[in-house]
């Protein structure tokens, strides 16, 4: 019994020491685990912020080109029908092409399914072959987008018009105004179908 007493006491002391160590170490181990999780989350957040920063830097570098593209698009497909502006562009093209006669009759803008409106126009041009060819070139290179849907050419006819040709075109222009007409002056109900005629040099 006397020999077992010290052994039992030693075992008890060892158990108590182990429990004390566990009680002291467990919170520290838990804290280390939590710190590691926080570090991993912070590293992940840092990577995400770096990616966002790179994206913002790329967007800043692209911004001038995007603004230029938007301005070109707004010129080609304006936010309103702007029939007077369209007629001025066509009259300028006819004048530079040196045609003898030019007329345009815009139609009422109609909403399309693709998020824009179509502005139809009937154009008649009379002149020599090279003048008509030049007018077609200038029509294709207008600042405003235009699509020729039909084209007919016939002799000009009339006395003193030898060598002249008459060209009739159906052309579509476009606007991002999907309400089919607002913005045109004096308005689609009054002026959308009014024809504009410009004589030679007009």
C-alpha atoms as a PDB file:
ATOM      1  CA  UNK A   1       0.000   0.000   0.000  1.00  0.00           C
ATOM      2  CA  UNK A   2       2.806   2.382   0.883  1.00  0.00           C
ATOM      3  CA  UNK A   3       4.394   1.788  -2.528  1.00  0.00           C
ATOM      4  CA  UNK A   4       1.167   2.299  -4.409  1.00  0.00           C
ATOM      5  CA  UNK A   5       0.467   5.624  -2.726  1.00  0.00           C
ATOM      6  CA  UNK A   6       3.217   7.574  -4.482  1.00  0.00           C
ATOM      7  CA  UNK A   7       2.317   5.951  -7.798  1.00  0.00           C
ATOM      8  CA  UNK A   8      -1.345   6.904  -7.490  1.00  0.00           C
ATOM      9  CA  UNK A   9      -0.372  10.384  -6.409  1.00  0.00           C
ATOM     10  CA  UNK A  10       1.987  10.670  -9.380  1.00  0.00           C
ATOM     11  CA  UNK A  11      -0.683   9.526 -11.798  1.00  0.00           C
ATOM     12  CA  UNK A  12      -3.134  12.005 -10.305  1.00  0.00           C
ATOM     13  CA  UNK A  13      -0.625  14.796 -10.650  1.00  0.00           C
ATOM     14  CA  UNK A  14       0.080  13.812 -14.246  1.00  0.00           C
ATOM     15  CA  UNK A  15      -3.632  13.749 -15.055  1.00  0.00           C
ATOM     16  CA  UNK A  16      -4.132  17.128 -13.443  1.00  0.00           C
ATOM     17  CA  UNK A  17      -1.145  18.511 -15.349  1.00  0.00           C
ATOM     18  CA  UNK A  18      -2.505  17.148 -18.634  1.00  0.00           C
ATOM     19  CA  UNK A  19      -5.920  18.653 -17.938  1.00  0.00           C
ATOM     20  CA  UNK A  20      -4.312  21.978 -17.112  1.00  0.00           C
ATOM     21  CA  UNK A  21      -2.315  21.903 -20.339  1.00  0.00           C
ATOM     22  CA  UNK A  22      -5.412  21.034 -22.331  1.00  0.00           C
ATOM     23  CA  UNK A  23      -7.418  23.788 -20.691  1.00  0.00           C
ATOM     24  CA  UNK A  24      -4.671  26.264 -21.481  1.00  0.00           C
ATOM     25  CA  UNK A  25      -3.903  25.064 -25.006  1.00  0.00           C
ATOM     26  CA  UNK A  26      -7.400  24.496 -26.364  1.00  0.00           C
ATOM     27  CA  UNK A  27      -8.351  28.212 -26.410  1.00  0.00           C
ATOM     28  CA  UNK A  28      -5.026  29.014 -28.049  1.00  0.00           C
ATOM     29  CA  UNK A  29      -5.544  26.327 -30.699  1.00  0.00           C
ATOM     30  CA  UNK A  30      -9.040  27.678 -31.335  1.00  0.00           C
ATOM     31  CA  UNK A  31      -7.690  31.219 -31.625  1.00  0.00           C
ATOM     32  CA  UNK A  32      -5.015  30.069 -34.089  1.00  0.00           C
ATOM     33  CA  UNK A  33      -7.679  28.375 -36.222  1.00  0.00           C
ATOM     34  CA  UNK A  34      -9.858  31.468 -36.197  1.00  0.00           C
ATOM     35  CA  UNK A  35      -6.858  33.627 -37.094  1.00  0.00           C
ATOM     36  CA  UNK A  36      -6.043  31.374 -40.022  1.00  0.00           C
ATOM     37  CA  UNK A  37      -9.639  31.578 -41.278  1.00  0.00           C
ATOM     38  CA  UNK A  38      -9.592  35.371 -40.976  1.00  0.00           C
ATOM     39  CA  UNK A  39      -6.269  35.495 -42.833  1.00  0.00           C
ATOM     40  CA  UNK A  40      -7.643  33.330 -45.656  1.00  0.00           C
ATOM     41  CA  UNK A  41     -10.761  35.532 -45.905  1.00  0.00           C
ATOM     42  CA  UNK A  42      -8.614  38.682 -45.945  1.00  0.00           C
ATOM     43  CA  UNK A  43      -6.389  37.239 -48.673  1.00  0.00           C
ATOM     44  CA  UNK A  44      -9.443  36.286 -50.719  1.00  0.00           C
ATOM     45  CA  UNK A  45     -10.891  39.780 -50.280  1.00  0.00           C
ATOM     46  CA  UNK A  46      -7.561  41.321 -51.259  1.00  0.00           C
ATOM     47  CA  UNK A  47      -7.483  39.239 -54.442  1.00  0.00           C
ATOM     48  CA  UNK A  48     -11.049  40.284 -55.249  1.00  0.00           C
ATOM     49  CA  UNK A  49     -10.186  43.960 -54.701  1.00  0.00           C
ATOM     50  CA  UNK A  50      -7.106  43.620 -56.904  1.00  0.00           C
ATOM     51  CA  UNK A  51      -9.251  42.111 -59.660  1.00  0.00           C
ATOM     52  CA  UNK A  52     -11.755  44.967 -59.307  1.00  0.00           C
ATOM     53  CA  UNK A  53      -8.916  47.492 -59.411  1.00  0.00           C
ATOM     54  CA  UNK A  54      -7.531  45.966 -62.618  1.00  0.00           C
ATOM     55  CA  UNK A  55     -11.012  45.986 -64.144  1.00  0.00           C
ATOM     56  CA  UNK A  56     -11.464  49.658 -63.217  1.00  0.00           C
ATOM     57  CA  UNK A  57      -8.058  50.548 -64.641  1.00  0.00           C
ATOM     58  CA  UNK A  58      -8.884  48.743 -67.904  1.00  0.00           C
ATOM     59  CA  UNK A  59     -12.276  50.485 -68.025  1.00  0.00           C
ATOM     60  CA  UNK A  60     -10.569  53.858 -67.514  1.00  0.00           C
ATOM     61  CA  UNK A  61      -8.173  53.122 -70.377  1.00  0.00           C
ATOM     62  CA  UNK A  62     -11.064  52.023 -72.611  1.00  0.00           C
ATOM     63  CA  UNK A  63     -13.314  54.952 -71.633  1.00  0.00           C
ATOM     64  CA  UNK A  64     -12.140  57.361 -74.400  1.00  0.00           C
ATOM     65  CA  UNK A  65     -12.658  54.721 -77.107  1.00  0.00           C
ATOM     66  CA  UNK A  66     -16.063  53.790 -75.674  1.00  0.00           C
ATOM     67  CA  UNK A  67     -17.113  57.472 -75.607  1.00  0.00           C
ATOM     68  CA  UNK A  68     -15.999  57.889 -79.227  1.00  0.00           C
ATOM     69  CA  UNK A  69     -17.942  54.774 -80.239  1.00  0.00           C
ATOM     70  CA  UNK A  70     -21.051  56.053 -78.440  1.00  0.00           C
ATOM     71  CA  UNK A  71     -20.755  59.445 -80.149  1.00  0.00           C
ATOM     72  CA  UNK A  72     -20.407  57.778 -83.562  1.00  0.00           C
ATOM     73  CA  UNK A  73     -23.413  55.576 -82.859  1.00  0.00           C
ATOM     74  CA  UNK A  74     -25.505  58.557 -81.734  1.00  0.00           C
ATOM     75  CA  UNK A  75     -24.557  60.328 -84.971  1.00  0.00           C
ATOM     76  CA  UNK A  76     -25.366  57.319 -87.158  1.00  0.00           C
ATOM     77  CA  UNK A  77     -28.526  56.425 -85.231  1.00  0.00           C
ATOM     78  CA  UNK A  78     -29.634  59.614 -83.427  1.00  0.00           C
ATOM     79  CA  UNK A  79     -31.961  59.638 -80.403  1.00  0.00           C
ATOM     80  CA  UNK A  80     -34.703  61.479 -82.358  1.00  0.00           C
ATOM     81  CA  UNK A  81     -36.036  61.226 -85.911  1.00  0.00           C
ATOM     82  CA  UNK A  82     -34.626  64.720 -86.732  1.00  0.00           C
ATOM     83  CA  UNK A  83     -36.185  64.892 -90.190  1.00  0.00           C
ATOM     84  CA  UNK A  84     -34.895  68.443 -90.889  1.00  0.00           C
ATOM     85  CA  UNK A  85     -31.347  67.310 -90.144  1.00  0.00           C
ATOM     86  CA  UNK A  86     -31.782  64.262 -92.373  1.00  0.00           C
ATOM     87  CA  UNK A  87     -33.055  66.434 -95.243  1.00  0.00           C
ATOM     88  CA  UNK A  88     -30.099  68.817 -94.842  1.00  0.00           C
ATOM     89  CA  UNK A  89     -27.657  65.902 -95.072  1.00  0.00           C
ATOM     90  CA  UNK A  90     -29.296  64.607 -98.237  1.00  0.00           C
ATOM     91  CA  UNK A  91     -29.491  68.068 -99.803  1.00  0.00           C
ATOM     92  CA  UNK A  92     -25.791  68.588 -99.058  1.00  0.00           C
ATOM     93  CA  UNK A  93     -24.958  65.269-100.707  1.00  0.00           C
ATOM     94  CA  UNK A  94     -27.009  66.213-103.769  1.00  0.00           C
ATOM     95  CA  UNK A  95     -25.330  69.613-103.958  1.00  0.00           C
ATOM     96  CA  UNK A  96     -21.813  68.152-103.752  1.00  0.00           C
ATOM     97  CA  UNK A  97     -22.726  65.531-106.351  1.00  0.00           C
ATOM     98  CA  UNK A  98     -23.843  68.367-108.681  1.00  0.00           C
ATOM     99  CA  UNK A  99     -27.143  66.729-109.611  1.00  0.00           C
ATOM    100  CA  UNK A 100     -29.666  68.754-111.607  1.00  0.00           C
ATOM    101  CA  UNK A 101     -32.707  67.900-109.519  1.00  0.00           C
ATOM    102  CA  UNK A 102     -33.219  66.409-106.075  1.00  0.00           C
ATOM    103  CA  UNK A 103     -36.281  65.732-103.938  1.00  0.00           C
ATOM    104  CA  UNK A 104     -36.889  63.768-100.771  1.00  0.00           C
ATOM    105  CA  UNK A 105     -40.169  62.754 -99.130  1.00  0.00           C
ATOM    106  CA  UNK A 106     -39.656  61.388 -95.603  1.00  0.00           C
ATOM    107  CA  UNK A 107     -42.246  58.989 -94.252  1.00  0.00           C
ATOM    108  CA  UNK A 108     -43.564  58.620 -90.712  1.00  0.00           C
ATOM    109  CA  UNK A 109     -41.105  56.855 -88.392  1.00  0.00           C
ATOM    110  CA  UNK A 110     -42.293  53.422 -87.300  1.00  0.00           C
ATOM    111  CA  UNK A 111     -41.080  51.463 -84.294  1.00  0.00           C
ATOM    112  CA  UNK A 112     -39.142  48.260 -85.044  1.00  0.00           C
ATOM    113  CA  UNK A 113     -38.725  45.198 -82.845  1.00  0.00           C
ATOM    114  CA  UNK A 114     -34.981  45.629 -82.319  1.00  0.00           C
ATOM    115  CA  UNK A 115     -35.267  48.682 -80.074  1.00  0.00           C
ATOM    116  CA  UNK A 116     -35.157  51.419 -82.709  1.00  0.00           C
ATOM    117  CA  UNK A 117     -37.446  53.148 -85.197  1.00  0.00           C
ATOM    118  CA  UNK A 118     -37.207  53.144 -88.988  1.00  0.00           C
ATOM    119  CA  UNK A 119     -37.555  56.427 -90.880  1.00  0.00           C
ATOM    120  CA  UNK A 120     -38.437  55.664 -94.540  1.00  0.00           C
ATOM    121  CA  UNK A 121     -37.722  58.167 -97.291  1.00  0.00           C
ATOM    122  CA  UNK A 122     -38.376  58.345-101.017  1.00  0.00           C
ATOM    123  CA  UNK A 123     -35.612  60.150-102.923  1.00  0.00           C
ATOM    124  CA  UNK A 124     -35.558  61.256-106.556  1.00  0.00           C
ATOM    125  CA  UNK A 125     -32.405  62.497-108.240  1.00  0.00           C
ATOM    126  CA  UNK A 126     -31.926  63.626-111.836  1.00  0.00           C
ATOM    127  CA  UNK A 127     -28.588  64.242-113.515  1.00  0.00           C
ATOM    128  CA  UNK A 128     -25.780  62.703-115.512  1.00  0.00           C
ATOM    129  CA  UNK A 129     -24.405  59.232-114.854  1.00  0.00           C
ATOM    130  CA  UNK A 130     -21.394  60.451-112.916  1.00  0.00           C
ATOM    131  CA  UNK A 131     -23.523  62.809-110.809  1.00  0.00           C
ATOM    132  CA  UNK A 132     -25.852  59.973-109.838  1.00  0.00           C
ATOM    133  CA  UNK A 133     -22.899  57.706-109.097  1.00  0.00           C
ATOM    134  CA  UNK A 134     -21.373  60.435-106.888  1.00  0.00           C
ATOM    135  CA  UNK A 135     -24.688  60.919-105.092  1.00  0.00           C
ATOM    136  CA  UNK A 136     -24.896  57.192-104.306  1.00  0.00           C
ATOM    137  CA  UNK A 137     -21.367  57.277-102.924  1.00  0.00           C
ATOM    138  CA  UNK A 138     -22.184  60.248-100.712  1.00  0.00           C
ATOM    139  CA  UNK A 139     -25.397  58.576 -99.583  1.00  0.00           C
ATOM    140  CA  UNK A 140     -23.403  55.521 -98.492  1.00  0.00           C
ATOM    141  CA  UNK A 141     -20.912  57.695 -96.569  1.00  0.00           C
ATOM    142  CA  UNK A 142     -23.389  59.990 -94.807  1.00  0.00           C
ATOM    143  CA  UNK A 143     -22.687  60.577 -91.098  1.00  0.00           C
ATOM    144  CA  UNK A 144     -26.145  59.145 -90.478  1.00  0.00           C
ATOM    145  CA  UNK A 145     -26.716  55.440 -91.200  1.00  0.00           C
ATOM    146  CA  UNK A 146     -28.789  54.820 -94.331  1.00  0.00           C
ATOM    147  CA  UNK A 147     -29.922  51.661 -96.089  1.00  0.00           C
ATOM    148  CA  UNK A 148     -31.075  51.676 -99.718  1.00  0.00           C
ATOM    149  CA  UNK A 149     -33.947  49.176-100.007  1.00  0.00           C
ATOM    150  CA  UNK A 150     -34.780  49.772-103.682  1.00  0.00           C
ATOM    151  CA  UNK A 151     -33.299  51.654-106.614  1.00  0.00           C
ATOM    152  CA  UNK A 152     -34.680  52.383-110.096  1.00  0.00           C
ATOM    153  CA  UNK A 153     -32.972  54.291-112.894  1.00  0.00           C
ATOM    154  CA  UNK A 154     -34.701  55.514-116.040  1.00  0.00           C
ATOM    155  CA  UNK A 155     -33.950  58.049-118.811  1.00  0.00           C
ATOM    156  CA  UNK A 156     -34.417  61.603-117.609  1.00  0.00           C
ATOM    157  CA  UNK A 157     -36.770  62.460-120.469  1.00  0.00           C
ATOM    158  CA  UNK A 158     -37.920  65.911-121.384  1.00  0.00           C
ATOM    159  CA  UNK A 159     -36.623  68.350-123.969  1.00  0.00           C
ATOM    160  CA  UNK A 160     -32.979  69.274-123.634  1.00  0.00           C
ATOM    161  CA  UNK A 161     -32.255  66.440-121.219  1.00  0.00           C
ATOM    162  CA  UNK A 162     -30.256  64.166-123.499  1.00  0.00           C
ATOM    163  CA  UNK A 163     -27.939  61.950-121.471  1.00  0.00           C
ATOM    164  CA  UNK A 164     -29.738  62.627-118.229  1.00  0.00           C
ATOM    165  CA  UNK A 165     -30.979  59.896-115.953  1.00  0.00           C
ATOM    166  CA  UNK A 166     -33.638  59.866-113.282  1.00  0.00           C
ATOM    167  CA  UNK A 167     -33.036  57.764-110.167  1.00  0.00           C
ATOM    168  CA  UNK A 168     -35.676  56.838-107.599  1.00  0.00           C
ATOM    169  CA  UNK A 169     -34.558  55.372-104.288  1.00  0.00           C
ATOM    170  CA  UNK A 170     -36.293  53.985-101.234  1.00  0.00           C
ATOM    171  CA  UNK A 171     -34.025  54.574 -98.264  1.00  0.00           C
ATOM    172  CA  UNK A 172     -34.304  53.741 -94.578  1.00  0.00           C
ATOM    173  CA  UNK A 173     -32.844  55.866 -91.803  1.00  0.00           C
ATOM    174  CA  UNK A 174     -32.898  54.952 -88.130  1.00  0.00           C
ATOM    175  CA  UNK A 175     -33.390  56.438 -84.680  1.00  0.00           C
ATOM    176  CA  UNK A 176     -33.218  54.989 -81.170  1.00  0.00           C
ATOM    177  CA  UNK A 177     -36.493  56.791 -80.411  1.00  0.00           C
ATOM    178  CA  UNK A 178     -38.875  53.835 -80.252  1.00  0.00           C
ATOM    179  CA  UNK A 179     -41.968  56.001 -79.759  1.00  0.00           C
ATOM    180  CA  UNK A 180     -42.150  56.345 -83.557  1.00  0.00           C
ATOM    181  CA  UNK A 181     -41.655  59.987 -84.258  1.00  0.00           C
ATOM    182  CA  UNK A 182     -41.205  62.422 -81.343  1.00  0.00           C
ATOM    183  CA  UNK A 183     -38.365  64.815 -81.945  1.00  0.00           C
ATOM    184  CA  UNK A 184     -39.125  65.450 -85.594  1.00  0.00           C
ATOM    185  CA  UNK A 185     -40.134  68.992 -86.421  1.00  0.00           C
ATOM    186  CA  UNK A 186     -42.829  70.168 -86.865  1.00  0.00           C
ATOM    187  CA  UNK A 187     -43.958  66.637 -85.934  1.00  0.00           C
ATOM    188  CA  UNK A 188     -44.845  63.369 -87.660  1.00  0.00           C
ATOM    189  CA  UNK A 189     -48.484  64.283 -88.116  1.00  0.00           C
ATOM    190  CA  UNK A 190     -47.736  67.575 -89.896  1.00  0.00           C
ATOM    191  CA  UNK A 191     -44.302  67.436 -91.444  1.00  0.00           C
ATOM    192  CA  UNK A 192     -43.189  63.822 -91.659  1.00  0.00           C
ATOM    193  CA  UNK A 193     -44.410  63.333 -95.211  1.00  0.00           C
ATOM    194  CA  UNK A 194     -43.593  66.806 -96.531  1.00  0.00           C
ATOM    195  CA  UNK A 195     -41.359  66.622 -99.604  1.00  0.00           C
ATOM    196  CA  UNK A 196     -38.254  68.744 -99.954  1.00  0.00           C
ATOM    197  CA  UNK A 197     -37.149  69.736-103.452  1.00  0.00           C
ATOM    198  CA  UNK A 198     -33.765  71.261-104.111  1.00  0.00           C
ATOM    199  CA  UNK A 199     -32.932  72.508-107.637  1.00  0.00           C
ATOM    200  CA  UNK A 200     -29.439  72.297-109.055  1.00  0.00           C
ATOM    201  CA  UNK A 201     -27.036  74.147-106.780  1.00  0.00           C
ATOM    202  CA  UNK A 202     -29.794  74.591-104.142  1.00  0.00           C
END
